[in-house]
Amino acid sequence: MEASQWEHADRREAPRKRLQLRMAIVYPEHEGRPVQPIYHANTHDACITGLSMVVDDNVFYEGEVTVNLTLPPEYGWAAQKTITATARMTYAIHSSKLNGFKIGMTFLQFKEDAKELLQAAILRESEKADVPETGKPGAGSGA
């Protein structure tokens, strides 16, 4: 791939959607460390193959981590669901525009029905973005 092609290339296999989910990154335990470290954050965007987050600290880790994502409820009265996947961090860059470190992750494996639940949540959020706001006069309404 030539440099000019690389400049605009997106390595994600699925389209990303702006989706802010609460998440926890659980790092593997190491001998001599008293507790398994956990870092809480919010996603910046997500797709079925991975996600990115913007955080204050560079929490990049070269091995596999466990990611817990809290999905928005399907209905207002429904309980939130948390899904679990293993992932690998693929990049970490400091962004002065975003005022933090943007870290990308690729999902490696989902537990149980997590992949289907994430896909449904992404689809719901996409559909919400396509629905025009209500309660505002439309063009040509004379209001």
C-alpha atoms as a PDB file:
ATOM      1  CA  MET A   1       0.000   0.000   0.000  1.00  0.00           C
ATOM      2  CA  GLU A   2       1.407   3.375  -0.993  1.00  0.00           C
ATOM      3  CA  ALA A   3       1.643   6.207   1.518  1.00  0.00           C
ATOM      4  CA  SER A   4      -1.163   8.145  -0.170  1.00  0.00           C
ATOM      5  CA  GLN A   5      -3.475   5.117   0.135  1.00  0.00           C
ATOM      6  CA  TRP A   6      -2.533   4.503   3.775  1.00  0.00           C
ATOM      7  CA  GLU A   7      -3.408   8.076   4.721  1.00  0.00           C
ATOM      8  CA  HIS A   8      -7.156   7.505   4.221  1.00  0.00           C
ATOM      9  CA  ALA A   9      -7.325   3.773   4.960  1.00  0.00           C
ATOM     10  CA  ASP A  10      -9.592   2.485   7.688  1.00  0.00           C
ATOM     11  CA  ARG A  11      -8.585  -0.908   8.997  1.00  0.00           C
ATOM     12  CA  ARG A  12     -11.956  -1.601  10.615  1.00  0.00           C
ATOM     13  CA  GLU A  13     -13.914  -4.366   8.971  1.00  0.00           C
ATOM     14  CA  ALA A  14     -17.303  -2.886   9.917  1.00  0.00           C
ATOM     15  CA  PRO A  15     -18.631   0.682   9.849  1.00  0.00           C
ATOM     16  CA  ARG A  16     -18.069   2.542  13.081  1.00  0.00           C
ATOM     17  CA  LYS A  17     -20.884   4.339  14.887  1.00  0.00           C
ATOM     18  CA  ARG A  18     -20.587   7.141  17.392  1.00  0.00           C
ATOM     19  CA  LEU A  19     -21.641   5.280  20.520  1.00  0.00           C
ATOM     20  CA  GLN A  20     -20.782   6.204  24.072  1.00  0.00           C
ATOM     21  CA  LEU A  21     -21.027   3.203  26.365  1.00  0.00           C
ATOM     22  CA  ARG A  22     -19.746   2.794  29.891  1.00  0.00           C
ATOM     23  CA  MET A  23     -16.962   0.261  29.930  1.00  0.00           C
ATOM     24  CA  ALA A  24     -14.441  -1.427  32.178  1.00  0.00           C
ATOM     25  CA  ILE A  25     -11.121  -2.830  31.011  1.00  0.00           C
ATOM     26  CA  VAL A  26      -9.922  -5.727  33.153  1.00  0.00           C
ATOM     27  CA  TYR A  27      -6.207  -6.371  32.824  1.00  0.00           C
ATOM     28  CA  PRO A  28      -4.801  -9.872  33.387  1.00  0.00           C
ATOM     29  CA  GLU A  29      -3.473 -10.810  36.788  1.00  0.00           C
ATOM     30  CA  HIS A  30       0.272 -11.010  37.255  1.00  0.00           C
ATOM     31  CA  GLU A  31       2.168 -12.785  39.963  1.00  0.00           C
ATOM     32  CA  GLY A  32       3.088 -10.463  42.800  1.00  0.00           C
ATOM     33  CA  ARG A  33       0.278  -8.017  42.022  1.00  0.00           C
ATOM     34  CA  PRO A  34      -2.321  -8.077  44.835  1.00  0.00           C
ATOM     35  CA  VAL A  35      -5.384  -7.207  42.734  1.00  0.00           C
ATOM     36  CA  GLN A  36      -6.447  -7.410  39.130  1.00  0.00           C
ATOM     37  CA  PRO A  37      -6.361  -3.831  37.820  1.00  0.00           C
ATOM     38  CA  ILE A  38      -9.535  -2.410  36.281  1.00  0.00           C
ATOM     39  CA  TYR A  39      -9.858   0.860  34.341  1.00  0.00           C
ATOM     40  CA  HIS A  40     -13.268   2.506  33.833  1.00  0.00           C
ATOM     41  CA  ALA A  41     -13.959   4.653  30.758  1.00  0.00           C
ATOM     42  CA  ASN A  42     -16.503   5.447  28.041  1.00  0.00           C
ATOM     43  CA  THR A  43     -16.324   4.393  24.430  1.00  0.00           C
ATOM     44  CA  HIS A  44     -15.857   7.053  21.753  1.00  0.00           C
ATOM     45  CA  ASP A  45     -17.230   4.935  18.929  1.00  0.00           C
ATOM     46  CA  ALA A  46     -17.881   1.259  18.333  1.00  0.00           C
ATOM     47  CA  CYS A  47     -18.550  -1.348  15.705  1.00  0.00           C
ATOM     48  CA  ILE A  48     -19.012  -5.087  15.806  1.00  0.00           C
ATOM     49  CA  THR A  49     -15.260  -5.680  15.354  1.00  0.00           C
ATOM     50  CA  GLY A  50     -13.890  -3.140  17.846  1.00  0.00           C
ATOM     51  CA  LEU A  51     -14.106   0.206  19.574  1.00  0.00           C
ATOM     52  CA  SER A  52     -12.179   3.313  20.457  1.00  0.00           C
ATOM     53  CA  MET A  53     -12.118   5.299  23.655  1.00  0.00           C
ATOM     54  CA  VAL A  54     -10.706   8.649  24.727  1.00  0.00           C
ATOM     55  CA  VAL A  55      -9.118   8.620  28.183  1.00  0.00           C
ATOM     56  CA  ASP A  56      -6.961  10.906  30.303  1.00  0.00           C
ATOM     57  CA  ASP A  57      -4.171   8.376  30.804  1.00  0.00           C
ATOM     58  CA  ASN A  58      -2.361   6.120  28.371  1.00  0.00           C
ATOM     59  CA  VAL A  59      -3.700   2.745  29.549  1.00  0.00           C
ATOM     60  CA  PHE A  60      -2.375   0.850  26.500  1.00  0.00           C
ATOM     61  CA  TYR A  61      -1.545  -2.818  27.105  1.00  0.00           C
ATOM     62  CA  GLU A  62       0.067  -5.126  24.543  1.00  0.00           C
ATOM     63  CA  GLY A  63      -1.690  -8.353  25.562  1.00  0.00           C
ATOM     64  CA  GLU A  64      -5.316  -9.418  25.720  1.00  0.00           C
ATOM     65  CA  VAL A  65      -7.709  -7.665  28.087  1.00  0.00           C
ATOM     66  CA  THR A  66     -11.297  -8.323  29.103  1.00  0.00           C
ATOM     67  CA  VAL A  67     -13.785  -5.606  28.178  1.00  0.00           C
ATOM     68  CA  ASN A  68     -17.145  -5.195  29.917  1.00  0.00           C
ATOM     69  CA  LEU A  69     -19.573  -2.895  28.080  1.00  0.00           C
ATOM     70  CA  THR A  70     -22.847  -1.628  29.535  1.00  0.00           C
ATOM     71  CA  LEU A  71     -25.409  -1.392  26.753  1.00  0.00           C
ATOM     72  CA  PRO A  72     -28.249   1.140  26.775  1.00  0.00           C
ATOM     73  CA  PRO A  73     -31.608  -0.444  27.652  1.00  0.00           C
ATOM     74  CA  GLU A  74     -33.716  -1.526  24.698  1.00  0.00           C
ATOM     75  CA  TYR A  75     -36.751   0.175  26.249  1.00  0.00           C
ATOM     76  CA  GLY A  76     -37.005   2.846  28.943  1.00  0.00           C
ATOM     77  CA  TRP A  77     -38.228   0.346  31.520  1.00  0.00           C
ATOM     78  CA  ALA A  78     -35.774  -2.424  30.633  1.00  0.00           C
ATOM     79  CA  ALA A  79     -32.670  -3.216  32.632  1.00  0.00           C
ATOM     80  CA  GLN A  80     -29.251  -2.398  31.214  1.00  0.00           C
ATOM     81  CA  LYS A  81     -27.250  -5.371  29.982  1.00  0.00           C
ATOM     82  CA  THR A  82     -23.528  -5.816  30.353  1.00  0.00           C
ATOM     83  CA  ILE A  83     -21.608  -7.805  27.780  1.00  0.00           C
ATOM     84  CA  THR A  84     -18.119  -9.249  28.017  1.00  0.00           C
ATOM     85  CA  ALA A  85     -15.488  -9.764  25.334  1.00  0.00           C
ATOM     86  CA  THR A  86     -11.762 -10.253  25.109  1.00  0.00           C
ATOM     87  CA  ALA A  87      -9.923  -7.651  23.074  1.00  0.00           C
ATOM     88  CA  ARG A  88      -6.486  -6.478  21.994  1.00  0.00           C
ATOM     89  CA  MET A  89      -5.508  -2.828  22.016  1.00  0.00           C
ATOM     90  CA  THR A  90      -4.313  -1.862  18.553  1.00  0.00           C
ATOM     91  CA  TYR A  91      -3.212   1.750  18.927  1.00  0.00           C
ATOM     92  CA  ALA A  92      -2.852   4.607  21.375  1.00  0.00           C
ATOM     93  CA  ILE A  93      -2.330   8.181  20.230  1.00  0.00           C
ATOM     94  CA  HIS A  94      -2.389  11.446  22.121  1.00  0.00           C
ATOM     95  CA  SER A  95      -4.923  13.840  20.643  1.00  0.00           C
ATOM     96  CA  SER A  96      -4.804  17.498  21.601  1.00  0.00           C
ATOM     97  CA  LYS A  97      -8.099  17.949  19.740  1.00  0.00           C
ATOM     98  CA  LEU A  98      -9.810  15.335  21.950  1.00  0.00           C
ATOM     99  CA  ASN A  99      -7.763  16.355  25.009  1.00  0.00           C
ATOM    100  CA  GLY A 100      -6.659  12.818  25.834  1.00  0.00           C
ATOM    101  CA  PHE A 101      -5.404   9.503  24.548  1.00  0.00           C
ATOM    102  CA  LYS A 102      -7.465   7.787  21.874  1.00  0.00           C
ATOM    103  CA  ILE A 103      -7.057   4.041  22.189  1.00  0.00           C
ATOM    104  CA  GLY A 104      -8.394   1.518  19.690  1.00  0.00           C
ATOM    105  CA  MET A 105      -9.318  -2.074  20.443  1.00  0.00           C
ATOM    106  CA  THR A 106     -10.177  -5.088  18.310  1.00  0.00           C
ATOM    107  CA  PHE A 107     -12.561  -7.680  19.717  1.00  0.00           C
ATOM    108  CA  LEU A 108     -11.142 -11.200  19.726  1.00  0.00           C
ATOM    109  CA  GLN A 109     -13.930 -13.238  21.277  1.00  0.00           C
ATOM    110  CA  PHE A 110     -17.374 -12.543  22.736  1.00  0.00           C
ATOM    111  CA  LYS A 111     -18.942 -14.401  25.648  1.00  0.00           C
ATOM    112  CA  GLU A 112     -22.350 -16.020  25.147  1.00  0.00           C
ATOM    113  CA  ASP A 113     -24.711 -13.775  23.122  1.00  0.00           C
ATOM    114  CA  ALA A 114     -22.626 -10.602  23.558  1.00  0.00           C
ATOM    115  CA  LYS A 115     -21.925 -10.135  19.849  1.00  0.00           C
ATOM    116  CA  GLU A 116     -25.630 -10.227  18.941  1.00  0.00           C
ATOM    117  CA  LEU A 117     -26.510  -7.842  21.798  1.00  0.00           C
ATOM    118  CA  LEU A 118     -23.818  -5.359  20.718  1.00  0.00           C
ATOM    119  CA  GLN A 119     -24.929  -5.573  17.096  1.00  0.00           C
ATOM    120  CA  ALA A 120     -28.554  -4.867  18.125  1.00  0.00           C
ATOM    121  CA  ALA A 121     -27.471  -1.878  20.264  1.00  0.00           C
ATOM    122  CA  ILE A 122     -25.442  -0.407  17.390  1.00  0.00           C
ATOM    123  CA  LEU A 123     -28.394  -0.858  15.028  1.00  0.00           C
ATOM    124  CA  ARG A 124     -30.798   0.830  17.495  1.00  0.00           C
ATOM    125  CA  GLU A 125     -28.452   3.798  17.919  1.00  0.00           C
ATOM    126  CA  SER A 126     -28.073   4.073  14.127  1.00  0.00           C
ATOM    127  CA  GLU A 127     -31.843   4.108  13.682  1.00  0.00           C
ATOM    128  CA  LYS A 128     -32.188   6.802  16.367  1.00  0.00           C
ATOM    129  CA  ALA A 129     -29.728   8.979  14.472  1.00  0.00           C
ATOM    130  CA  ASP A 130     -31.812   8.586  11.297  1.00  0.00           C
ATOM    131  CA  VAL A 131     -35.096   9.661  12.950  1.00  0.00           C
ATOM    132  CA  PRO A 132     -35.756  13.421  12.741  1.00  0.00           C
ATOM    133  CA  GLU A 133     -36.458  15.252  15.984  1.00  0.00           C
ATOM    134  CA  THR A 134     -40.127  15.646  16.845  1.00  0.00           C
ATOM    135  CA  GLY A 135     -41.872  18.691  18.181  1.00  0.00           C
ATOM    136  CA  LYS A 136     -40.102  21.109  15.863  1.00  0.00           C
ATOM    137  CA  PRO A 137     -41.853  22.680  12.892  1.00  0.00           C
ATOM    138  CA  GLY A 138     -40.651  21.264   9.596  1.00  0.00           C
ATOM    139  CA  ALA A 139     -39.698  23.184   6.488  1.00  0.00           C
ATOM    140  CA  GLY A 140     -42.730  24.664   4.746  1.00  0.00           C
ATOM    141  CA  SER A 141     -44.973  24.331   7.812  1.00  0.00           C
ATOM    142  CA  GLY A 142     -45.463  28.077   8.018  1.00  0.00           C
ATOM    143  CA  ALA A 143     -44.461  28.118  11.663  1.00  0.00           C
END
